[in-house]
Amino acid sequence: MPEHPAPRIRVARPEDDAELALLDRLTWSPRHAVTPEPRPPHPPFFSERHTPEDCLVAELGGRLAGYVQLGFPTPLDSNRHVRQIQGLAVAEEARGRGAGRALVRAAVDEARRRGARRITLRVLGHNTAARALYEAEGFVVEGVLPEEFLVGGAYVDDVFMGRSL
């Protein structure tokens, strides 16, 4: 099997907005999304809640291959020591080339760099590939909300995962 170059991770830039918004639409799936499939008009990718500084992107061969968004789980000052992965996507053509793993590791490193003591995330129970990746990177299941979402006609668990930094 040919060896692929490692993805390059960098902080997103405002000019990445359109490409990230497109990637978000192309990777939408009921496997991980609890929101309806995106329809025009499409909003910008960046917002007041998720700025370029809170987004890391993976590049493979000079092309944007994925992203991870970091945020705070709540707006409370008493919760500022925790960062949360609030979005992760990898382009179809980049899957299996280490971009997802590199993005999760970069998010962990960035959360630690920003002074966080913990990092958390939420993942749908039926998203076994994502759950396996997170577990391989040290995340453990910390709670489950059974049948929390109705996705594609089926009730799906909301799984909370986290790890100390």
N, C-alpha and C. Protein backbone atom coordinates (compact mmCIF):
# COMPACT_ATOMS: atom_id res chain seq x y z
N MET A 1 0.85 -1.17 0.00
CA MET A 1 0.00 0.00 0.00
C MET A 1 0.90 1.24 0.00
N PRO A 2 0.66 2.21 -0.89
CA PRO A 2 1.51 3.38 -0.95
C PRO A 2 1.33 4.24 0.30
N GLU A 3 2.44 4.81 0.75
CA GLU A 3 2.41 5.67 1.93
C GLU A 3 1.92 7.06 1.53
N HIS A 4 0.99 7.58 2.32
CA HIS A 4 0.47 8.91 2.07
C HIS A 4 1.19 9.91 2.96
N PRO A 5 1.41 11.12 2.48
CA PRO A 5 2.02 12.14 3.34
C PRO A 5 1.07 12.47 4.49
N ALA A 6 1.65 12.86 5.62
CA ALA A 6 0.84 13.24 6.78
C ALA A 6 0.12 14.55 6.48
N PRO A 7 -1.10 14.69 6.99
CA PRO A 7 -1.80 15.95 6.79
C PRO A 7 -1.09 17.09 7.52
N ARG A 8 -1.17 18.27 6.96
CA ARG A 8 -0.65 19.48 7.60
C ARG A 8 -1.83 20.14 8.30
N ILE A 9 -1.65 20.44 9.58
CA ILE A 9 -2.71 21.07 10.37
C ILE A 9 -2.35 22.54 10.58
N ARG A 10 -3.33 23.40 10.42
CA ARG A 10 -3.12 24.83 10.65
C ARG A 10 -4.42 25.43 11.17
N VAL A 11 -4.31 26.63 11.72
CA VAL A 11 -5.49 27.38 12.15
C VAL A 11 -6.20 27.89 10.90
N ALA A 12 -7.51 27.83 10.92
CA ALA A 12 -8.28 28.33 9.78
C ALA A 12 -8.10 29.83 9.62
N ARG A 13 -8.33 30.27 8.40
CA ARG A 13 -8.26 31.69 8.07
C ARG A 13 -9.64 32.14 7.56
N PRO A 14 -9.98 33.41 7.72
CA PRO A 14 -11.28 33.88 7.23
C PRO A 14 -11.54 33.50 5.77
N GLU A 15 -10.49 33.50 4.95
CA GLU A 15 -10.69 33.19 3.53
C GLU A 15 -11.00 31.70 3.28
N ASP A 16 -10.94 30.86 4.32
CA ASP A 16 -11.32 29.44 4.19
C ASP A 16 -12.83 29.25 4.27
N ASP A 17 -13.58 30.31 4.59
CA ASP A 17 -15.00 30.19 4.88
C ASP A 17 -15.78 29.42 3.80
N ALA A 18 -15.69 29.84 2.56
CA ALA A 18 -16.50 29.22 1.50
C ALA A 18 -16.13 27.74 1.31
N GLU A 19 -14.84 27.44 1.34
CA GLU A 19 -14.40 26.05 1.15
C GLU A 19 -14.84 25.17 2.33
N LEU A 20 -14.78 25.70 3.54
CA LEU A 20 -15.23 24.94 4.71
C LEU A 20 -16.74 24.75 4.69
N ALA A 21 -17.48 25.77 4.28
CA ALA A 21 -18.94 25.65 4.18
C ALA A 21 -19.31 24.58 3.16
N LEU A 22 -18.60 24.54 2.05
CA LEU A 22 -18.84 23.51 1.04
C LEU A 22 -18.50 22.12 1.59
N LEU A 23 -17.37 21.99 2.25
CA LEU A 23 -16.98 20.71 2.85
C LEU A 23 -18.05 20.25 3.84
N ASP A 24 -18.56 21.17 4.63
CA ASP A 24 -19.61 20.84 5.60
C ASP A 24 -20.84 20.28 4.89
N ARG A 25 -21.23 20.90 3.79
CA ARG A 25 -22.40 20.42 3.04
C ARG A 25 -22.13 19.06 2.39
N LEU A 26 -20.92 18.90 1.83
CA LEU A 26 -20.59 17.64 1.15
C LEU A 26 -20.46 16.46 2.10
N THR A 27 -20.09 16.72 3.35
CA THR A 27 -19.90 15.64 4.31
C THR A 27 -21.12 15.42 5.20
N TRP A 28 -22.19 16.20 5.00
CA TRP A 28 -23.39 16.04 5.83
C TRP A 28 -23.90 14.61 5.69
N SER A 29 -24.27 14.02 6.82
CA SER A 29 -24.79 12.66 6.82
C SER A 29 -25.61 12.45 8.09
N PRO A 30 -26.69 11.66 8.01
CA PRO A 30 -27.43 11.34 9.23
C PRO A 30 -26.61 10.46 10.19
N ARG A 31 -25.45 10.02 9.76
CA ARG A 31 -24.56 9.25 10.63
C ARG A 31 -24.05 10.13 11.77
N HIS A 32 -23.90 11.44 11.50
CA HIS A 32 -23.37 12.33 12.53
C HIS A 32 -24.16 13.61 12.73
N ALA A 33 -25.07 13.95 11.83
CA ALA A 33 -25.78 15.23 11.92
C ALA A 33 -27.17 15.05 12.52
N VAL A 34 -27.54 15.96 13.41
CA VAL A 34 -28.88 15.95 13.97
C VAL A 34 -29.72 17.08 13.38
N THR A 35 -29.09 17.87 12.52
CA THR A 35 -29.79 18.95 11.84
C THR A 35 -30.21 18.47 10.45
N PRO A 36 -31.22 19.11 9.86
CA PRO A 36 -31.65 18.71 8.52
C PRO A 36 -30.54 18.89 7.49
N GLU A 37 -30.65 18.15 6.40
CA GLU A 37 -29.68 18.28 5.32
C GLU A 37 -29.66 19.73 4.84
N PRO A 38 -28.45 20.30 4.65
CA PRO A 38 -28.35 21.72 4.26
C PRO A 38 -29.03 22.00 2.92
N ARG A 39 -29.76 23.10 2.88
CA ARG A 39 -30.43 23.57 1.67
C ARG A 39 -30.10 25.05 1.48
N PRO A 40 -30.08 25.51 0.24
CA PRO A 40 -29.82 26.94 0.01
C PRO A 40 -30.93 27.79 0.64
N PRO A 41 -30.65 29.01 1.02
CA PRO A 41 -29.34 29.66 0.98
C PRO A 41 -28.44 29.14 2.11
N HIS A 42 -27.19 28.93 1.80
CA HIS A 42 -26.25 28.37 2.77
C HIS A 42 -25.60 29.49 3.59
N PRO A 43 -25.62 29.34 4.90
CA PRO A 43 -25.00 30.36 5.74
C PRO A 43 -23.47 30.26 5.67
N PRO A 44 -22.79 31.31 6.10
CA PRO A 44 -21.33 31.23 6.17
C PRO A 44 -20.91 30.15 7.17
N PHE A 45 -19.72 29.64 7.02
CA PHE A 45 -19.21 28.61 7.93
C PHE A 45 -18.88 29.24 9.29
N PHE A 46 -18.18 30.37 9.26
CA PHE A 46 -17.78 31.01 10.50
C PHE A 46 -18.92 31.88 11.03
N SER A 47 -18.97 31.98 12.34
CA SER A 47 -20.01 32.77 13.00
C SER A 47 -19.41 33.36 14.28
N GLU A 48 -20.23 34.08 15.01
CA GLU A 48 -19.78 34.62 16.28
C GLU A 48 -19.42 33.48 17.24
N ARG A 49 -20.14 32.37 17.13
CA ARG A 49 -19.90 31.22 18.01
C ARG A 49 -18.65 30.44 17.60
N HIS A 50 -18.41 30.32 16.30
CA HIS A 50 -17.26 29.57 15.79
C HIS A 50 -16.46 30.46 14.84
N THR A 51 -15.37 30.99 15.34
CA THR A 51 -14.52 31.90 14.57
C THR A 51 -13.39 31.11 13.92
N PRO A 52 -12.68 31.71 12.96
CA PRO A 52 -11.54 31.00 12.36
C PRO A 52 -10.51 30.54 13.40
N GLU A 53 -10.31 31.33 14.45
CA GLU A 53 -9.32 30.99 15.48
C GLU A 53 -9.71 29.72 16.24
N ASP A 54 -10.98 29.35 16.21
CA ASP A 54 -11.47 28.16 16.92
C ASP A 54 -11.56 26.95 16.00
N CYS A 55 -11.02 27.06 14.82
CA CYS A 55 -11.11 25.98 13.84
C CYS A 55 -9.71 25.62 13.34
N LEU A 56 -9.42 24.34 13.36
CA LEU A 56 -8.17 23.83 12.80
C LEU A 56 -8.53 23.08 11.52
N VAL A 57 -7.71 23.25 10.50
CA VAL A 57 -7.96 22.56 9.24
C VAL A 57 -6.80 21.63 8.91
N ALA A 58 -7.13 20.56 8.20
CA ALA A 58 -6.13 19.63 7.70
C ALA A 58 -5.98 19.86 6.20
N GLU A 59 -4.75 19.89 5.75
CA GLU A 59 -4.47 20.00 4.32
C GLU A 59 -3.69 18.77 3.88
N LEU A 60 -4.07 18.23 2.74
CA LEU A 60 -3.36 17.12 2.12
C LEU A 60 -3.06 17.55 0.69
N GLY A 61 -1.80 17.51 0.32
CA GLY A 61 -1.44 17.92 -1.03
C GLY A 61 -1.84 19.34 -1.34
N GLY A 62 -1.82 20.21 -0.34
CA GLY A 62 -2.17 21.61 -0.55
C GLY A 62 -3.66 21.87 -0.62
N ARG A 63 -4.48 20.84 -0.43
CA ARG A 63 -5.94 21.01 -0.49
C ARG A 63 -6.56 20.81 0.88
N LEU A 64 -7.60 21.55 1.16
CA LEU A 64 -8.30 21.43 2.42
C LEU A 64 -8.96 20.04 2.49
N ALA A 65 -8.63 19.28 3.51
CA ALA A 65 -9.13 17.90 3.61
C ALA A 65 -10.06 17.67 4.79
N GLY A 66 -10.13 18.62 5.73
CA GLY A 66 -11.00 18.44 6.87
C GLY A 66 -10.83 19.57 7.86
N TYR A 67 -11.67 19.52 8.89
CA TYR A 67 -11.60 20.54 9.95
C TYR A 67 -12.07 19.96 11.27
N VAL A 68 -11.68 20.64 12.34
CA VAL A 68 -12.22 20.39 13.68
C VAL A 68 -12.47 21.75 14.32
N GLN A 69 -13.63 21.88 14.97
CA GLN A 69 -13.97 23.12 15.66
C GLN A 69 -13.92 22.89 17.16
N LEU A 70 -13.29 23.82 17.85
CA LEU A 70 -13.23 23.79 19.31
C LEU A 70 -14.08 24.92 19.86
N GLY A 71 -14.76 24.64 20.94
CA GLY A 71 -15.54 25.67 21.60
C GLY A 71 -15.66 25.37 23.07
N PHE A 72 -16.49 26.14 23.73
CA PHE A 72 -16.79 25.90 25.13
C PHE A 72 -18.12 25.16 25.22
N PRO A 73 -18.23 24.18 26.13
CA PRO A 73 -19.50 23.45 26.24
C PRO A 73 -20.65 24.31 26.76
N THR A 74 -20.34 25.34 27.57
CA THR A 74 -21.35 26.26 28.08
C THR A 74 -20.75 27.65 28.12
N PRO A 75 -21.58 28.68 28.29
CA PRO A 75 -21.05 30.05 28.41
C PRO A 75 -20.65 30.41 29.84
N LEU A 76 -20.68 29.47 30.76
CA LEU A 76 -20.42 29.75 32.17
C LEU A 76 -18.93 29.86 32.47
N ASP A 77 -18.56 30.85 33.28
CA ASP A 77 -17.16 31.01 33.69
C ASP A 77 -16.67 29.78 34.46
N SER A 78 -17.56 29.15 35.22
CA SER A 78 -17.17 27.99 36.02
C SER A 78 -16.84 26.77 35.16
N ASN A 79 -17.08 26.88 33.86
CA ASN A 79 -16.87 25.77 32.93
C ASN A 79 -15.78 26.10 31.91
N ARG A 80 -15.04 27.19 32.11
CA ARG A 80 -14.05 27.66 31.12
C ARG A 80 -12.82 26.77 31.03
N HIS A 81 -12.64 25.86 31.95
CA HIS A 81 -11.48 24.96 31.93
C HIS A 81 -11.71 23.76 31.01
N VAL A 82 -12.87 23.71 30.37
CA VAL A 82 -13.22 22.60 29.48
C VAL A 82 -13.39 23.14 28.06
N ARG A 83 -12.79 22.44 27.10
CA ARG A 83 -13.04 22.73 25.68
C ARG A 83 -13.82 21.55 25.12
N GLN A 84 -14.57 21.83 24.07
CA GLN A 84 -15.39 20.79 23.46
C GLN A 84 -15.17 20.77 21.95
N ILE A 85 -15.01 19.57 21.41
CA ILE A 85 -14.99 19.42 19.95
C ILE A 85 -16.44 19.58 19.51
N GLN A 86 -16.70 20.60 18.70
CA GLN A 86 -18.07 20.92 18.30
C GLN A 86 -18.28 20.75 16.80
N GLY A 87 -17.38 20.08 16.16
CA GLY A 87 -17.52 19.78 14.75
C GLY A 87 -16.25 19.15 14.24
N LEU A 88 -16.40 18.10 13.46
CA LEU A 88 -15.26 17.41 12.84
C LEU A 88 -15.76 16.85 11.52
N ALA A 89 -15.05 17.15 10.45
CA ALA A 89 -15.41 16.61 9.14
C ALA A 89 -14.13 16.36 8.34
N VAL A 90 -14.17 15.28 7.57
CA VAL A 90 -13.06 14.94 6.68
C VAL A 90 -13.66 14.67 5.30
N ALA A 91 -13.07 15.28 4.28
CA ALA A 91 -13.52 15.09 2.90
C ALA A 91 -13.46 13.61 2.53
N GLU A 92 -14.41 13.17 1.75
CA GLU A 92 -14.50 11.77 1.35
C GLU A 92 -13.19 11.26 0.76
N GLU A 93 -12.57 12.05 -0.11
CA GLU A 93 -11.34 11.61 -0.77
C GLU A 93 -10.13 11.57 0.16
N ALA A 94 -10.27 12.15 1.35
CA ALA A 94 -9.15 12.17 2.30
C ALA A 94 -9.32 11.13 3.41
N ARG A 95 -10.42 10.42 3.42
CA ARG A 95 -10.66 9.45 4.50
C ARG A 95 -9.68 8.30 4.39
N GLY A 96 -9.27 7.80 5.56
CA GLY A 96 -8.30 6.71 5.60
C GLY A 96 -6.87 7.16 5.42
N ARG A 97 -6.64 8.46 5.43
CA ARG A 97 -5.29 8.99 5.22
C ARG A 97 -4.76 9.72 6.45
N GLY A 98 -5.44 9.56 7.60
CA GLY A 98 -4.95 10.12 8.85
C GLY A 98 -5.41 11.52 9.17
N ALA A 99 -6.25 12.11 8.34
CA ALA A 99 -6.68 13.49 8.60
C ALA A 99 -7.54 13.58 9.86
N GLY A 100 -8.48 12.67 10.03
CA GLY A 100 -9.34 12.70 11.21
C GLY A 100 -8.54 12.55 12.50
N ARG A 101 -7.65 11.59 12.52
CA ARG A 101 -6.81 11.36 13.70
C ARG A 101 -5.92 12.58 13.97
N ALA A 102 -5.32 13.14 12.92
CA ALA A 102 -4.47 14.32 13.09
C ALA A 102 -5.27 15.50 13.63
N LEU A 103 -6.51 15.66 13.18
CA LEU A 103 -7.36 16.75 13.65
C LEU A 103 -7.73 16.56 15.12
N VAL A 104 -8.07 15.34 15.52
CA VAL A 104 -8.41 15.09 16.93
C VAL A 104 -7.19 15.36 17.81
N ARG A 105 -6.04 14.88 17.39
CA ARG A 105 -4.82 15.13 18.17
C ARG A 105 -4.51 16.62 18.25
N ALA A 106 -4.69 17.33 17.14
CA ALA A 106 -4.43 18.78 17.13
C ALA A 106 -5.42 19.50 18.04
N ALA A 107 -6.67 19.05 18.08
CA ALA A 107 -7.67 19.67 18.96
C ALA A 107 -7.29 19.46 20.42
N VAL A 108 -6.83 18.27 20.75
CA VAL A 108 -6.38 17.98 22.12
C VAL A 108 -5.21 18.89 22.48
N ASP A 109 -4.23 18.98 21.59
CA ASP A 109 -3.06 19.83 21.83
C ASP A 109 -3.45 21.30 21.97
N GLU A 110 -4.35 21.75 21.12
CA GLU A 110 -4.78 23.16 21.15
C GLU A 110 -5.56 23.45 22.43
N ALA A 111 -6.43 22.54 22.85
CA ALA A 111 -7.17 22.73 24.09
C ALA A 111 -6.20 22.83 25.27
N ARG A 112 -5.22 21.96 25.28
CA ARG A 112 -4.20 21.99 26.34
C ARG A 112 -3.43 23.32 26.29
N ARG A 113 -3.05 23.74 25.09
CA ARG A 113 -2.30 24.99 24.92
C ARG A 113 -3.11 26.19 25.44
N ARG A 114 -4.42 26.12 25.29
CA ARG A 114 -5.29 27.21 25.74
C ARG A 114 -5.63 27.11 27.23
N GLY A 115 -5.02 26.15 27.91
CA GLY A 115 -5.20 26.07 29.35
C GLY A 115 -6.33 25.17 29.83
N ALA A 116 -6.92 24.41 28.94
CA ALA A 116 -8.02 23.53 29.35
C ALA A 116 -7.48 22.35 30.17
N ARG A 117 -8.29 21.88 31.07
CA ARG A 117 -7.97 20.70 31.88
C ARG A 117 -8.66 19.45 31.33
N ARG A 118 -9.73 19.68 30.56
CA ARG A 118 -10.50 18.57 29.97
C ARG A 118 -10.94 18.94 28.57
N ILE A 119 -11.21 17.91 27.78
CA ILE A 119 -11.80 18.11 26.46
C ILE A 119 -12.93 17.09 26.33
N THR A 120 -14.05 17.54 25.79
CA THR A 120 -15.22 16.69 25.67
C THR A 120 -15.77 16.75 24.24
N LEU A 121 -16.72 15.90 23.98
CA LEU A 121 -17.42 15.90 22.70
C LEU A 121 -18.72 15.13 22.85
N ARG A 122 -19.56 15.27 21.85
CA ARG A 122 -20.80 14.50 21.76
C ARG A 122 -20.79 13.81 20.41
N VAL A 123 -21.21 12.56 20.40
CA VAL A 123 -21.23 11.78 19.17
C VAL A 123 -22.47 10.90 19.18
N LEU A 124 -23.07 10.70 18.03
CA LEU A 124 -24.25 9.85 17.95
C LEU A 124 -23.85 8.39 18.16
N GLY A 125 -24.69 7.67 18.88
CA GLY A 125 -24.38 6.29 19.24
C GLY A 125 -24.11 5.39 18.06
N HIS A 126 -24.78 5.64 16.93
CA HIS A 126 -24.59 4.76 15.77
C HIS A 126 -23.37 5.12 14.92
N ASN A 127 -22.63 6.15 15.31
CA ASN A 127 -21.44 6.55 14.55
C ASN A 127 -20.23 5.79 15.09
N THR A 128 -20.17 4.52 14.78
CA THR A 128 -19.15 3.64 15.35
C THR A 128 -17.74 4.01 14.90
N ALA A 129 -17.58 4.49 13.68
CA ALA A 129 -16.24 4.86 13.20
C ALA A 129 -15.70 6.03 14.02
N ALA A 130 -16.51 7.05 14.24
CA ALA A 130 -16.06 8.21 15.02
C ALA A 130 -15.79 7.79 16.47
N ARG A 131 -16.67 6.99 17.02
CA ARG A 131 -16.48 6.57 18.42
C ARG A 131 -15.17 5.79 18.57
N ALA A 132 -14.86 4.93 17.60
CA ALA A 132 -13.61 4.16 17.65
C ALA A 132 -12.39 5.09 17.57
N LEU A 133 -12.46 6.09 16.71
CA LEU A 133 -11.36 7.06 16.60
C LEU A 133 -11.17 7.79 17.94
N TYR A 134 -12.26 8.29 18.50
CA TYR A 134 -12.15 9.02 19.76
C TYR A 134 -11.61 8.13 20.88
N GLU A 135 -12.08 6.90 20.95
CA GLU A 135 -11.58 5.97 21.97
C GLU A 135 -10.09 5.71 21.78
N ALA A 136 -9.66 5.56 20.53
CA ALA A 136 -8.24 5.33 20.25
C ALA A 136 -7.38 6.52 20.68
N GLU A 137 -7.99 7.70 20.75
CA GLU A 137 -7.28 8.91 21.15
C GLU A 137 -7.50 9.26 22.62
N GLY A 138 -7.98 8.30 23.40
CA GLY A 138 -8.06 8.47 24.85
C GLY A 138 -9.37 8.97 25.40
N PHE A 139 -10.37 9.18 24.57
CA PHE A 139 -11.68 9.60 25.05
C PHE A 139 -12.43 8.39 25.59
N VAL A 140 -13.20 8.60 26.64
CA VAL A 140 -14.04 7.54 27.20
C VAL A 140 -15.48 8.03 27.27
N VAL A 141 -16.41 7.09 27.22
CA VAL A 141 -17.82 7.43 27.35
C VAL A 141 -18.07 7.87 28.79
N GLU A 142 -18.63 9.05 28.94
CA GLU A 142 -18.91 9.60 30.27
C GLU A 142 -20.41 9.68 30.54
N GLY A 143 -21.21 9.47 29.52
CA GLY A 143 -22.65 9.50 29.69
C GLY A 143 -23.36 9.24 28.39
N VAL A 144 -24.59 8.78 28.50
CA VAL A 144 -25.41 8.50 27.32
C VAL A 144 -26.82 9.00 27.58
N LEU A 145 -27.36 9.75 26.64
CA LEU A 145 -28.77 10.11 26.66
C LEU A 145 -29.46 9.18 25.66
N PRO A 146 -30.15 8.16 26.16
CA PRO A 146 -30.76 7.17 25.27
C PRO A 146 -31.83 7.79 24.36
N GLU A 147 -31.78 7.42 23.08
CA GLU A 147 -32.79 7.83 22.10
C GLU A 147 -33.05 9.33 22.12
N GLU A 148 -32.00 10.12 22.28
CA GLU A 148 -32.12 11.57 22.42
C GLU A 148 -32.55 12.25 21.11
N PHE A 149 -32.17 11.68 19.98
CA PHE A 149 -32.49 12.28 18.68
C PHE A 149 -33.25 11.31 17.80
N LEU A 150 -34.14 11.86 16.98
CA LEU A 150 -34.83 11.09 15.95
C LEU A 150 -34.16 11.47 14.63
N VAL A 151 -33.37 10.55 14.09
CA VAL A 151 -32.58 10.81 12.88
C VAL A 151 -32.93 9.77 11.83
N GLY A 152 -33.40 10.23 10.69
CA GLY A 152 -33.74 9.30 9.61
C GLY A 152 -34.76 8.26 10.01
N GLY A 153 -35.70 8.63 10.86
CA GLY A 153 -36.75 7.71 11.28
C GLY A 153 -36.38 6.77 12.41
N ALA A 154 -35.15 6.88 12.93
CA ALA A 154 -34.71 6.00 14.03
C ALA A 154 -34.26 6.85 15.22
N TYR A 155 -34.54 6.35 16.41
CA TYR A 155 -34.07 7.03 17.62
C TYR A 155 -32.61 6.67 17.86
N VAL A 156 -31.81 7.68 18.17
CA VAL A 156 -30.37 7.51 18.29
C VAL A 156 -29.90 8.09 19.62
N ASP A 157 -28.96 7.38 20.26
CA ASP A 157 -28.37 7.85 21.52
C ASP A 157 -27.42 9.01 21.26
N ASP A 158 -27.36 9.92 22.23
CA ASP A 158 -26.38 11.01 22.26
C ASP A 158 -25.32 10.59 23.27
N VAL A 159 -24.11 10.35 22.81
CA VAL A 159 -23.04 9.82 23.65
C VAL A 159 -22.07 10.95 24.00
N PHE A 160 -21.85 11.15 25.29
CA PHE A 160 -20.89 12.15 25.78
C PHE A 160 -19.58 11.44 26.04
N MET A 161 -18.50 11.99 25.48
CA MET A 161 -17.17 11.43 25.68
C MET A 161 -16.25 12.53 26.15
N GLY A 162 -15.21 12.17 26.88
CA GLY A 162 -14.27 13.17 27.34
C GLY A 162 -12.96 12.54 27.77
N ARG A 163 -12.02 13.41 28.04
CA ARG A 163 -10.71 12.97 28.57
C ARG A 163 -10.05 14.15 29.27
N SER A 164 -9.20 13.80 30.22
CA SER A 164 -8.41 14.82 30.90
C SER A 164 -7.21 15.18 30.04
N LEU A 165 -6.70 16.39 30.26
CA LEU A 165 -5.54 16.84 29.47
C LEU A 165 -4.30 16.91 30.32
